[in-house]
Amino acid sequence: MNAPLPPSGWICPAVSAFDLITGKWRAMILFWLLKEPLRFNELQRRLGAITHRTLSRTLKDMEADGLVSRHDHGEIPPRVDYALTPRGRSLEPVLLELERWAQADAGQR
């Protein structure tokens, strides 16, 4: 997800932050996990139209980015929870401000 460098070689630091939260499902996943850790199927239900494969891939990518942790309880039947890491939780003020902006912007249309 790295943006190409402009000819000057300088890139706005915010670009790397936007890379972490952009994508069709990332922001929605972050918003749901801000509220509480969730199991895979519950997260999929709350998101709606996301496929199993897409959610699985997105969660793996978000784990690799250090935003989401996966906790396998080692039980039968399997029980796995997803939660925000401290890095993921540190995006809370940014996400809440984006939400406020979106609500205000929608009211101006």
PDB file of N, CA and C in Angstrom:
ATOM      1  N   MET A   1       0.805  -1.187   0.000  1.00  0.00           N
ATOM      2  CA  MET A   1       0.000   0.000   0.000  1.00  0.00           C
ATOM      3  C   MET A   1       0.852   1.255   0.000  1.00  0.00           C
ATOM      4  N   ASN A   2       2.113   1.163  -0.199  1.00  0.00           N
ATOM      5  CA  ASN A   2       2.969   2.331  -0.183  1.00  0.00           C
ATOM      6  C   ASN A   2       2.778   3.155  -1.438  1.00  0.00           C
ATOM      7  N   ALA A   3       2.592   4.463  -1.239  1.00  0.00           N
ATOM      8  CA  ALA A   3       2.442   5.371  -2.368  1.00  0.00           C
ATOM      9  C   ALA A   3       3.810   5.614  -2.989  1.00  0.00           C
ATOM     10  N   PRO A   4       3.872   5.787  -4.311  1.00  0.00           N
ATOM     11  CA  PRO A   4       5.156   6.082  -4.947  1.00  0.00           C
ATOM     12  C   PRO A   4       5.651   7.453  -4.502  1.00  0.00           C
ATOM     13  N   LEU A   5       6.951   7.594  -4.415  1.00  0.00           N
ATOM     14  CA  LEU A   5       7.529   8.873  -4.016  1.00  0.00           C
ATOM     15  C   LEU A   5       7.397   9.878  -5.149  1.00  0.00           C
ATOM     16  N   PRO A   6       7.071  11.128  -4.807  1.00  0.00           N
ATOM     17  CA  PRO A   6       7.049  12.156  -5.833  1.00  0.00           C
ATOM     18  C   PRO A   6       8.470  12.447  -6.297  1.00  0.00           C
ATOM     19  N   PRO A   7       8.630  13.156  -7.422  1.00  0.00           N
ATOM     20  CA  PRO A   7       9.972  13.426  -7.944  1.00  0.00           C
ATOM     21  C   PRO A   7      10.902  14.077  -6.932  1.00  0.00           C
ATOM     22  N   SER A   8      10.374  14.881  -6.025  1.00  0.00           N
ATOM     23  CA  SER A   8      11.223  15.548  -5.035  1.00  0.00           C
ATOM     24  C   SER A   8      11.750  14.581  -3.983  1.00  0.00           C
ATOM     25  N   GLY A   9      11.128  13.400  -3.862  1.00  0.00           N
ATOM     26  CA  GLY A   9      11.540  12.432  -2.854  1.00  0.00           C
ATOM     27  C   GLY A   9      10.861  12.637  -1.515  1.00  0.00           C
ATOM     28  N   TRP A  10      10.208  13.786  -1.309  1.00  0.00           N
ATOM     29  CA  TRP A  10       9.511  14.072  -0.056  1.00  0.00           C
ATOM     30  C   TRP A  10       8.086  13.577  -0.153  1.00  0.00           C
ATOM     31  N   ILE A  11       7.609  12.992   0.904  1.00  0.00           N
ATOM     32  CA  ILE A  11       6.220  12.544   0.944  1.00  0.00           C
ATOM     33  C   ILE A  11       5.613  12.982   2.271  1.00  0.00           C
ATOM     34  N   CYS A  12       4.401  13.437   2.219  1.00  0.00           N
ATOM     35  CA  CYS A  12       3.703  13.889   3.423  1.00  0.00           C
ATOM     36  C   CYS A  12       3.574  12.716   4.397  1.00  0.00           C
ATOM     37  N   PRO A  13       3.939  12.899   5.660  1.00  0.00           N
ATOM     38  CA  PRO A  13       3.840  11.805   6.630  1.00  0.00           C
ATOM     39  C   PRO A  13       2.427  11.256   6.783  1.00  0.00           C
ATOM     40  N   ALA A  14       1.428  12.075   6.504  1.00  0.00           N
ATOM     41  CA  ALA A  14       0.043  11.613   6.638  1.00  0.00           C
ATOM     42  C   ALA A  14      -0.295  10.516   5.642  1.00  0.00           C
ATOM     43  N   VAL A  15       0.452  10.432   4.544  1.00  0.00           N
ATOM     44  CA  VAL A  15       0.165   9.411   3.533  1.00  0.00           C
ATOM     45  C   VAL A  15       0.272   8.015   4.138  1.00  0.00           C
ATOM     46  N   SER A  16       1.283   7.786   4.971  1.00  0.00           N
ATOM     47  CA  SER A  16       1.425   6.451   5.572  1.00  0.00           C
ATOM     48  C   SER A  16       0.272   6.168   6.538  1.00  0.00           C
ATOM     49  N   ALA A  17      -0.224   7.202   7.221  1.00  0.00           N
ATOM     50  CA  ALA A  17      -1.380   7.007   8.105  1.00  0.00           C
ATOM     51  C   ALA A  17      -2.628   6.694   7.290  1.00  0.00           C
ATOM     52  N   PHE A  18      -2.821   7.399   6.190  1.00  0.00           N
ATOM     53  CA  PHE A  18      -3.981   7.123   5.337  1.00  0.00           C
ATOM     54  C   PHE A  18      -3.910   5.717   4.762  1.00  0.00           C
ATOM     55  N   ASP A  19      -2.712   5.253   4.446  1.00  0.00           N
ATOM     56  CA  ASP A  19      -2.553   3.884   3.942  1.00  0.00           C
ATOM     57  C   ASP A  19      -3.105   2.863   4.938  1.00  0.00           C
ATOM     58  N   LEU A  20      -2.977   3.147   6.233  1.00  0.00           N
ATOM     59  CA  LEU A  20      -3.432   2.207   7.259  1.00  0.00           C
ATOM     60  C   LEU A  20      -4.948   2.131   7.376  1.00  0.00           C
ATOM     61  N   ILE A  21      -5.643   3.223   7.055  1.00  0.00           N
ATOM     62  CA  ILE A  21      -7.089   3.237   7.276  1.00  0.00           C
ATOM     63  C   ILE A  21      -7.906   3.246   5.994  1.00  0.00           C
ATOM     64  N   THR A  22      -7.242   3.372   4.847  1.00  0.00           N
ATOM     65  CA  THR A  22      -8.003   3.361   3.602  1.00  0.00           C
ATOM     66  C   THR A  22      -8.162   1.938   3.103  1.00  0.00           C
ATOM     67  N   GLY A  23      -9.062   1.781   2.210  1.00  0.00           N
ATOM     68  CA  GLY A  23      -9.453   0.460   1.740  1.00  0.00           C
ATOM     69  C   GLY A  23     -10.931   0.326   2.018  1.00  0.00           C
ATOM     70  N   LYS A  24     -11.578  -0.506   1.272  1.00  0.00           N
ATOM     71  CA  LYS A  24     -13.033  -0.583   1.362  1.00  0.00           C
ATOM     72  C   LYS A  24     -13.523  -0.925   2.770  1.00  0.00           C
ATOM     73  N   TRP A  25     -12.813  -1.773   3.496  1.00  0.00           N
ATOM     74  CA  TRP A  25     -13.334  -2.283   4.769  1.00  0.00           C
ATOM     75  C   TRP A  25     -12.546  -1.860   6.002  1.00  0.00           C
ATOM     76  N   ARG A  26     -11.340  -1.354   5.846  1.00  0.00           N
ATOM     77  CA  ARG A  26     -10.473  -1.093   6.996  1.00  0.00           C
ATOM     78  C   ARG A  26     -11.091  -0.157   8.029  1.00  0.00           C
ATOM     79  N   ALA A  27     -11.614   0.972   7.599  1.00  0.00           N
ATOM     80  CA  ALA A  27     -12.182   1.926   8.563  1.00  0.00           C
ATOM     81  C   ALA A  27     -13.362   1.312   9.305  1.00  0.00           C
ATOM     82  N   MET A  28     -14.203   0.585   8.589  1.00  0.00           N
ATOM     83  CA  MET A  28     -15.362  -0.051   9.235  1.00  0.00           C
ATOM     84  C   MET A  28     -14.911  -1.092  10.264  1.00  0.00           C
ATOM     85  N   ILE A  29     -13.903  -1.869   9.921  1.00  0.00           N
ATOM     86  CA  ILE A  29     -13.367  -2.860  10.864  1.00  0.00           C
ATOM     87  C   ILE A  29     -12.828  -2.147  12.101  1.00  0.00           C
ATOM     88  N   LEU A  30     -12.069  -1.081  11.886  1.00  0.00           N
ATOM     89  CA  LEU A  30     -11.530  -0.325  13.015  1.00  0.00           C
ATOM     90  C   LEU A  30     -12.649   0.228  13.894  1.00  0.00           C
ATOM     91  N   PHE A  31     -13.689   0.790  13.290  1.00  0.00           N
ATOM     92  CA  PHE A  31     -14.802   1.331  14.079  1.00  0.00           C
ATOM     93  C   PHE A  31     -15.468   0.249  14.920  1.00  0.00           C
ATOM     94  N   TRP A  32     -15.722  -0.929  14.335  1.00  0.00           N
ATOM     95  CA  TRP A  32     -16.374  -1.996  15.108  1.00  0.00           C
ATOM     96  C   TRP A  32     -15.474  -2.490  16.234  1.00  0.00           C
ATOM     97  N   LEU A  33     -14.177  -2.613  15.954  1.00  0.00           N
ATOM     98  CA  LEU A  33     -13.267  -3.122  16.984  1.00  0.00           C
ATOM     99  C   LEU A  33     -12.938  -2.074  18.044  1.00  0.00           C
ATOM    100  N   LEU A  34     -13.209  -0.799  17.766  1.00  0.00           N
ATOM    101  CA  LEU A  34     -13.063   0.222  18.813  1.00  0.00           C
ATOM    102  C   LEU A  34     -14.023  -0.060  19.960  1.00  0.00           C
ATOM    103  N   LYS A  35     -15.191  -0.594  19.634  1.00  0.00           N
ATOM    104  CA  LYS A  35     -16.230  -0.840  20.635  1.00  0.00           C
ATOM    105  C   LYS A  35     -15.907  -2.041  21.519  1.00  0.00           C
ATOM    106  N   GLU A  36     -15.404  -3.130  20.881  1.00  0.00           N
ATOM    107  CA  GLU A  36     -15.138  -4.360  21.633  1.00  0.00           C
ATOM    108  C   GLU A  36     -14.435  -5.373  20.733  1.00  0.00           C
ATOM    109  N   PRO A  37     -13.706  -6.325  21.336  1.00  0.00           N
ATOM    110  CA  PRO A  37     -13.167  -7.429  20.534  1.00  0.00           C
ATOM    111  C   PRO A  37     -14.325  -8.250  19.971  1.00  0.00           C
ATOM    112  N   LEU A  38     -14.135  -8.770  18.770  1.00  0.00           N
ATOM    113  CA  LEU A  38     -15.199  -9.540  18.125  1.00  0.00           C
ATOM    114  C   LEU A  38     -14.650 -10.810  17.507  1.00  0.00           C
ATOM    115  N   ARG A  39     -15.511 -11.820  17.465  1.00  0.00           N
ATOM    116  CA  ARG A  39     -15.188 -13.044  16.743  1.00  0.00           C
ATOM    117  C   ARG A  39     -15.401 -12.792  15.258  1.00  0.00           C
ATOM    118  N   PHE A  40     -14.755 -13.614  14.438  1.00  0.00           N
ATOM    119  CA  PHE A  40     -14.776 -13.430  12.989  1.00  0.00           C
ATOM    120  C   PHE A  40     -16.198 -13.333  12.450  1.00  0.00           C
ATOM    121  N   ASN A  41     -17.052 -14.304  12.777  1.00  0.00           N
ATOM    122  CA  ASN A  41     -18.408 -14.328  12.220  1.00  0.00           C
ATOM    123  C   ASN A  41     -19.245 -13.142  12.684  1.00  0.00           C
ATOM    124  N   GLU A  42     -19.047 -12.707  13.914  1.00  0.00           N
ATOM    125  CA  GLU A  42     -19.786 -11.540  14.407  1.00  0.00           C
ATOM    126  C   GLU A  42     -19.339 -10.281  13.667  1.00  0.00           C
ATOM    127  N   LEU A  43     -18.051 -10.149  13.454  1.00  0.00           N
ATOM    128  CA  LEU A  43     -17.540  -9.006  12.698  1.00  0.00           C
ATOM    129  C   LEU A  43     -18.087  -9.025  11.272  1.00  0.00           C
ATOM    130  N   GLN A  44     -18.111 -10.196  10.663  1.00  0.00           N
ATOM    131  CA  GLN A  44     -18.645 -10.320   9.305  1.00  0.00           C
ATOM    132  C   GLN A  44     -20.131  -9.938   9.264  1.00  0.00           C
ATOM    133  N   ARG A  45     -20.900 -10.355  10.254  1.00  0.00           N
ATOM    134  CA  ARG A  45     -22.327  -9.993  10.316  1.00  0.00           C
ATOM    135  C   ARG A  45     -22.511  -8.482  10.420  1.00  0.00           C
ATOM    136  N   ARG A  46     -21.712  -7.864  11.257  1.00  0.00           N
ATOM    137  CA  ARG A  46     -21.847  -6.417  11.455  1.00  0.00           C
ATOM    138  C   ARG A  46     -21.437  -5.626  10.216  1.00  0.00           C
ATOM    139  N   LEU A  47     -20.465  -6.142   9.481  1.00  0.00           N
ATOM    140  CA  LEU A  47     -20.010  -5.444   8.278  1.00  0.00           C
ATOM    141  C   LEU A  47     -20.987  -5.598   7.121  1.00  0.00           C
ATOM    142  N   GLY A  48     -21.705  -6.695   7.102  1.00  0.00           N
ATOM    143  CA  GLY A  48     -22.709  -6.883   6.049  1.00  0.00           C
ATOM    144  C   GLY A  48     -22.173  -7.589   4.825  1.00  0.00           C
ATOM    145  N   ALA A  49     -21.952  -6.864   3.753  1.00  0.00           N
ATOM    146  CA  ALA A  49     -21.704  -7.454   2.438  1.00  0.00           C
ATOM    147  C   ALA A  49     -20.280  -7.971   2.206  1.00  0.00           C
ATOM    148  N   ILE A  50     -19.456  -8.029   3.198  1.00  0.00           N
ATOM    149  CA  ILE A  50     -18.080  -8.495   3.009  1.00  0.00           C
ATOM    150  C   ILE A  50     -18.045 -10.019   2.925  1.00  0.00           C
ATOM    151  N   THR A  51     -17.223 -10.540   2.019  1.00  0.00           N
ATOM    152  CA  THR A  51     -17.090 -11.989   1.893  1.00  0.00           C
ATOM    153  C   THR A  51     -16.127 -12.515   2.953  1.00  0.00           C
ATOM    154  N   HIS A  52     -16.224 -13.810   3.216  1.00  0.00           N
ATOM    155  CA  HIS A  52     -15.329 -14.475   4.167  1.00  0.00           C
ATOM    156  C   HIS A  52     -13.874 -14.264   3.746  1.00  0.00           C
ATOM    157  N   ARG A  53     -13.607 -14.464   2.477  1.00  0.00           N
ATOM    158  CA  ARG A  53     -12.236 -14.344   1.959  1.00  0.00           C
ATOM    159  C   ARG A  53     -11.702 -12.918   2.119  1.00  0.00           C
ATOM    160  N   THR A  54     -12.526 -11.931   1.781  1.00  0.00           N
ATOM    161  CA  THR A  54     -12.086 -10.539   1.878  1.00  0.00           C
ATOM    162  C   THR A  54     -11.836 -10.146   3.325  1.00  0.00           C
ATOM    163  N   LEU A  55     -12.720 -10.546   4.231  1.00  0.00           N
ATOM    164  CA  LEU A  55     -12.522 -10.219   5.642  1.00  0.00           C
ATOM    165  C   LEU A  55     -11.266 -10.892   6.174  1.00  0.00           C
ATOM    166  N   SER A  56     -11.069 -12.144   5.838  1.00  0.00           N
ATOM    167  CA  SER A  56      -9.886 -12.872   6.285  1.00  0.00           C
ATOM    168  C   SER A  56      -8.610 -12.182   5.804  1.00  0.00           C
ATOM    169  N   ARG A  57      -8.570 -11.819   4.537  1.00  0.00           N
ATOM    170  CA  ARG A  57      -7.388 -11.166   3.953  1.00  0.00           C
ATOM    171  C   ARG A  57      -7.159  -9.794   4.599  1.00  0.00           C
ATOM    172  N   THR A  58      -8.233  -9.037   4.775  1.00  0.00           N
ATOM    173  CA  THR A  58      -8.109  -7.700   5.355  1.00  0.00           C
ATOM    174  C   THR A  58      -7.616  -7.775   6.797  1.00  0.00           C
ATOM    175  N   LEU A  59      -8.149  -8.713   7.577  1.00  0.00           N
ATOM    176  CA  LEU A  59      -7.690  -8.872   8.960  1.00  0.00           C
ATOM    177  C   LEU A  59      -6.220  -9.283   9.009  1.00  0.00           C
ATOM    178  N   LYS A  60      -5.801 -10.174   8.114  1.00  0.00           N
ATOM    179  CA  LYS A  60      -4.383 -10.572   8.071  1.00  0.00           C
ATOM    180  C   LYS A  60      -3.497  -9.380   7.739  1.00  0.00           C
ATOM    181  N   ASP A  61      -3.932  -8.562   6.779  1.00  0.00           N
ATOM    182  CA  ASP A  61      -3.163  -7.366   6.424  1.00  0.00           C
ATOM    183  C   ASP A  61      -3.100  -6.389   7.593  1.00  0.00           C
ATOM    184  N   MET A  62      -4.214  -6.234   8.296  1.00  0.00           N
ATOM    185  CA  MET A  62      -4.247  -5.317   9.431  1.00  0.00           C
ATOM    186  C   MET A  62      -3.413  -5.846  10.599  1.00  0.00           C
ATOM    187  N   GLU A  63      -3.345  -7.168  10.734  1.00  0.00           N
ATOM    188  CA  GLU A  63      -2.437  -7.770  11.729  1.00  0.00           C
ATOM    189  C   GLU A  63      -0.997  -7.447  11.367  1.00  0.00           C
ATOM    190  N   ALA A  64      -0.658  -7.612  10.092  1.00  0.00           N
ATOM    191  CA  ALA A  64       0.702  -7.338   9.630  1.00  0.00           C
ATOM    192  C   ALA A  64       1.067  -5.866   9.828  1.00  0.00           C
ATOM    193  N   ASP A  65       0.081  -4.985   9.736  1.00  0.00           N
ATOM    194  CA  ASP A  65       0.310  -3.552   9.947  1.00  0.00           C
ATOM    195  C   ASP A  65       0.337  -3.179  11.423  1.00  0.00           C
ATOM    196  N   GLY A  66       0.069  -4.147  12.297  1.00  0.00           N
ATOM    197  CA  GLY A  66       0.108  -3.893  13.732  1.00  0.00           C
ATOM    198  C   GLY A  66      -1.119  -3.197  14.284  1.00  0.00           C
ATOM    199  N   LEU A  67      -2.241  -3.253  13.555  1.00  0.00           N
ATOM    200  CA  LEU A  67      -3.465  -2.586  13.998  1.00  0.00           C
ATOM    201  C   LEU A  67      -4.407  -3.517  14.744  1.00  0.00           C
ATOM    202  N   VAL A  68      -4.392  -4.789  14.380  1.00  0.00           N
ATOM    203  CA  VAL A  68      -5.336  -5.773  14.907  1.00  0.00           C
ATOM    204  C   VAL A  68      -4.561  -6.963  15.449  1.00  0.00           C
ATOM    205  N   SER A  69      -5.035  -7.500  16.562  1.00  0.00           N
ATOM    206  CA  SER A  69      -4.446  -8.737  17.084  1.00  0.00           C
ATOM    207  C   SER A  69      -5.484  -9.847  17.000  1.00  0.00           C
ATOM    208  N   ARG A  70      -4.993 -11.042  16.824  1.00  0.00           N
ATOM    209  CA  ARG A  70      -5.835 -12.236  16.723  1.00  0.00           C
ATOM    210  C   ARG A  70      -5.537 -13.091  17.944  1.00  0.00           C
ATOM    211  N   HIS A  71      -6.572 -13.415  18.705  1.00  0.00           N
ATOM    212  CA  HIS A  71      -6.381 -14.225  19.904  1.00  0.00           C
ATOM    213  C   HIS A  71      -7.126 -15.544  19.744  1.00  0.00           C
ATOM    214  N   ASP A  72      -6.354 -16.616  19.603  1.00  0.00           N
ATOM    215  CA  ASP A  72      -6.916 -17.963  19.501  1.00  0.00           C
ATOM    216  C   ASP A  72      -6.965 -18.538  20.910  1.00  0.00           C
ATOM    217  N   HIS A  73      -8.156 -18.867  21.367  1.00  0.00           N
ATOM    218  CA  HIS A  73      -8.330 -19.365  22.732  1.00  0.00           C
ATOM    219  C   HIS A  73      -7.938 -20.835  22.876  1.00  0.00           C
ATOM    220  N   GLY A  74      -7.623 -21.500  21.770  1.00  0.00           N
ATOM    221  CA  GLY A  74      -7.191 -22.889  21.823  1.00  0.00           C
ATOM    222  C   GLY A  74      -8.267 -23.853  22.268  1.00  0.00           C
ATOM    223  N   GLU A  75      -9.500 -23.540  21.953  1.00  0.00           N
ATOM    224  CA  GLU A  75     -10.621 -24.380  22.369  1.00  0.00           C
ATOM    225  C   GLU A  75     -11.191 -25.155  21.187  1.00  0.00           C
ATOM    226  N   ILE A  76     -11.947 -26.184  21.508  1.00  0.00           N
ATOM    227  CA  ILE A  76     -12.711 -26.933  20.511  1.00  0.00           C
ATOM    228  C   ILE A  76     -14.172 -26.770  20.902  1.00  0.00           C
ATOM    229  N   PRO A  77     -15.033 -26.249  20.064  1.00  0.00           N
ATOM    230  CA  PRO A  77     -14.739 -25.719  18.731  1.00  0.00           C
ATOM    231  C   PRO A  77     -13.867 -24.464  18.827  1.00  0.00           C
ATOM    232  N   PRO A  78     -13.184 -24.162  17.727  1.00  0.00           N
ATOM    233  CA  PRO A  78     -12.266 -23.014  17.742  1.00  0.00           C
ATOM    234  C   PRO A  78     -12.972 -21.710  18.116  1.00  0.00           C
ATOM    235  N   ARG A  79     -12.288 -20.925  18.925  1.00  0.00           N
ATOM    236  CA  ARG A  79     -12.780 -19.597  19.290  1.00  0.00           C
ATOM    237  C   ARG A  79     -11.640 -18.609  19.111  1.00  0.00           C
ATOM    238  N   VAL A  80     -11.824 -17.686  18.183  1.00  0.00           N
ATOM    239  CA  VAL A  80     -10.806 -16.681  17.871  1.00  0.00           C
ATOM    240  C   VAL A  80     -11.449 -15.306  17.960  1.00  0.00           C
ATOM    241  N   ASP A  81     -10.808 -14.405  18.682  1.00  0.00           N
ATOM    242  CA  ASP A  81     -11.272 -13.024  18.794  1.00  0.00           C
ATOM    243  C   ASP A  81     -10.284 -12.106  18.088  1.00  0.00           C
ATOM    244  N   TYR A  82     -10.811 -11.019  17.567  1.00  0.00           N
ATOM    245  CA  TYR A  82      -9.987  -9.964  16.980  1.00  0.00           C
ATOM    246  C   TYR A  82     -10.188  -8.707  17.807  1.00  0.00           C
ATOM    247  N   ALA A  83      -9.091  -8.013  18.073  1.00  0.00           N
ATOM    248  CA  ALA A  83      -9.135  -6.793  18.878  1.00  0.00           C
ATOM    249  C   ALA A  83      -8.122  -5.805  18.320  1.00  0.00           C
ATOM    250  N   LEU A  84      -8.289  -4.552  18.695  1.00  0.00           N
ATOM    251  CA  LEU A  84      -7.308  -3.554  18.298  1.00  0.00           C
ATOM    252  C   LEU A  84      -6.079  -3.664  19.181  1.00  0.00           C
ATOM    253  N   THR A  85      -4.938  -3.482  18.586  1.00  0.00           N
ATOM    254  CA  THR A  85      -3.689  -3.379  19.324  1.00  0.00           C
ATOM    255  C   THR A  85      -3.593  -1.951  19.865  1.00  0.00           C
ATOM    256  N   PRO A  86      -2.620  -1.665  20.713  1.00  0.00           N
ATOM    257  CA  PRO A  86      -2.434  -0.270  21.132  1.00  0.00           C
ATOM    258  C   PRO A  86      -2.236   0.670  19.927  1.00  0.00           C
ATOM    259  N   ARG A  87      -1.539   0.196  18.911  1.00  0.00           N
ATOM    260  CA  ARG A  87      -1.361   1.023  17.709  1.00  0.00           C
ATOM    261  C   ARG A  87      -2.710   1.282  17.035  1.00  0.00           C
ATOM    262  N   GLY A  88      -3.526   0.256  16.910  1.00  0.00           N
ATOM    263  CA  GLY A  88      -4.849   0.426  16.320  1.00  0.00           C
ATOM    264  C   GLY A  88      -5.721   1.343  17.155  1.00  0.00           C
ATOM    265  N   ARG A  89      -5.660   1.171  18.472  1.00  0.00           N
ATOM    266  CA  ARG A  89      -6.463   2.001  19.369  1.00  0.00           C
ATOM    267  C   ARG A  89      -6.007   3.456  19.320  1.00  0.00           C
ATOM    268  N   SER A  90      -4.734   3.692  19.017  1.00  0.00           N
ATOM    269  CA  SER A  90      -4.242   5.076  18.946  1.00  0.00           C
ATOM    270  C   SER A  90      -4.884   5.856  17.798  1.00  0.00           C
ATOM    271  N   LEU A  91      -5.526   5.156  16.870  1.00  0.00           N
ATOM    272  CA  LEU A  91      -6.238   5.823  15.775  1.00  0.00           C
ATOM    273  C   LEU A  91      -7.631   6.304  16.192  1.00  0.00           C
ATOM    274  N   GLU A  92      -8.062   5.977  17.397  1.00  0.00           N
ATOM    275  CA  GLU A  92      -9.420   6.328  17.829  1.00  0.00           C
ATOM    276  C   GLU A  92      -9.744   7.811  17.668  1.00  0.00           C
ATOM    277  N   PRO A  93      -8.908   8.748  18.158  1.00  0.00           N
ATOM    278  CA  PRO A  93      -9.276  10.157  17.990  1.00  0.00           C
ATOM    279  C   PRO A  93      -9.375  10.570  16.521  1.00  0.00           C
ATOM    280  N   VAL A  94      -8.521  10.022  15.698  1.00  0.00           N
ATOM    281  CA  VAL A  94      -8.545  10.336  14.263  1.00  0.00           C
ATOM    282  C   VAL A  94      -9.835   9.818  13.636  1.00  0.00           C
ATOM    283  N   LEU A  95     -10.187   8.578  13.944  1.00  0.00           N
ATOM    284  CA  LEU A  95     -11.401   7.978  13.381  1.00  0.00           C
ATOM    285  C   LEU A  95     -12.657   8.699  13.858  1.00  0.00           C
ATOM    286  N   LEU A  96     -12.695   9.063  15.131  1.00  0.00           N
ATOM    287  CA  LEU A  96     -13.862   9.769  15.653  1.00  0.00           C
ATOM    288  C   LEU A  96     -13.988  11.157  15.031  1.00  0.00           C
ATOM    289  N   GLU A  97     -12.864  11.808  14.800  1.00  0.00           N
ATOM    290  CA  GLU A  97     -12.900  13.119  14.140  1.00  0.00           C
ATOM    291  C   GLU A  97     -13.343  12.979  12.687  1.00  0.00           C
ATOM    292  N   LEU A  98     -12.886  11.956  12.004  1.00  0.00           N
ATOM    293  CA  LEU A  98     -13.359  11.698  10.634  1.00  0.00           C
ATOM    294  C   LEU A  98     -14.861  11.442  10.618  1.00  0.00           C
ATOM    295  N   GLU A  99     -15.342  10.709  11.614  1.00  0.00           N
ATOM    296  CA  GLU A  99     -16.775  10.440  11.706  1.00  0.00           C
ATOM    297  C   GLU A  99     -17.552  11.742  11.905  1.00  0.00           C
ATOM    298  N   ARG A 100     -17.063  12.615  12.802  1.00  0.00           N
ATOM    299  CA  ARG A 100     -17.729  13.904  13.027  1.00  0.00           C
ATOM    300  C   ARG A 100     -17.735  14.740  11.748  1.00  0.00           C
ATOM    301  N   TRP A 101     -16.603  14.763  11.058  1.00  0.00           N
ATOM    302  CA  TRP A 101     -16.511  15.526   9.814  1.00  0.00           C
ATOM    303  C   TRP A 101     -17.497  14.986   8.779  1.00  0.00           C
ATOM    304  N   ALA A 102     -17.565  13.670   8.640  1.00  0.00           N
ATOM    305  CA  ALA A 102     -18.469  13.059   7.655  1.00  0.00           C
ATOM    306  C   ALA A 102     -19.925  13.390   7.971  1.00  0.00           C
ATOM    307  N   GLN A 103     -20.285  13.365   9.245  1.00  0.00           N
ATOM    308  CA  GLN A 103     -21.660  13.702   9.627  1.00  0.00           C
ATOM    309  C   GLN A 103     -21.970  15.166   9.320  1.00  0.00           C
ATOM    310  N   ALA A 104     -21.031  16.056   9.630  1.00  0.00           N
ATOM    311  CA  ALA A 104     -21.232  17.480   9.346  1.00  0.00           C
ATOM    312  C   ALA A 104     -21.291  17.722   7.842  1.00  0.00           C
ATOM    313  N   ASP A 105     -20.429  17.062   7.105  1.00  0.00           N
ATOM    314  CA  ASP A 105     -20.400  17.222   5.648  1.00  0.00           C
ATOM    315  C   ASP A 105     -21.688  16.715   5.017  1.00  0.00           C
ATOM    316  N   ALA A 106     -22.194  15.601   5.513  1.00  0.00           N
ATOM    317  CA  ALA A 106     -23.444  15.049   4.977  1.00  0.00           C
ATOM    318  C   ALA A 106     -24.601  16.011   5.226  1.00  0.00           C
ATOM    319  N   GLY A 107     -24.565  16.732   6.343  1.00  0.00           N
ATOM    320  CA  GLY A 107     -25.613  17.693   6.659  1.00  0.00           C
ATOM    321  C   GLY A 107     -25.570  18.945   5.795  1.00  0.00           C
ATOM    322  N   GLN A 108     -24.438  19.189   5.145  1.00  0.00           N
ATOM    323  CA  GLN A 108     -24.293  20.374   4.298  1.00  0.00           C
ATOM    324  C   GLN A 108     -24.664  20.110   2.848  1.00  0.00           C
ATOM    325  N   ARG A 109     -24.976  18.901   2.516  1.00  0.00           N
ATOM    326  CA  ARG A 109     -25.306  18.582   1.116  1.00  0.00           C
ATOM    327  C   ARG A 109     -26.766  18.762   0.851  1.00  0.00           C
TER     328      ARG A 109
END
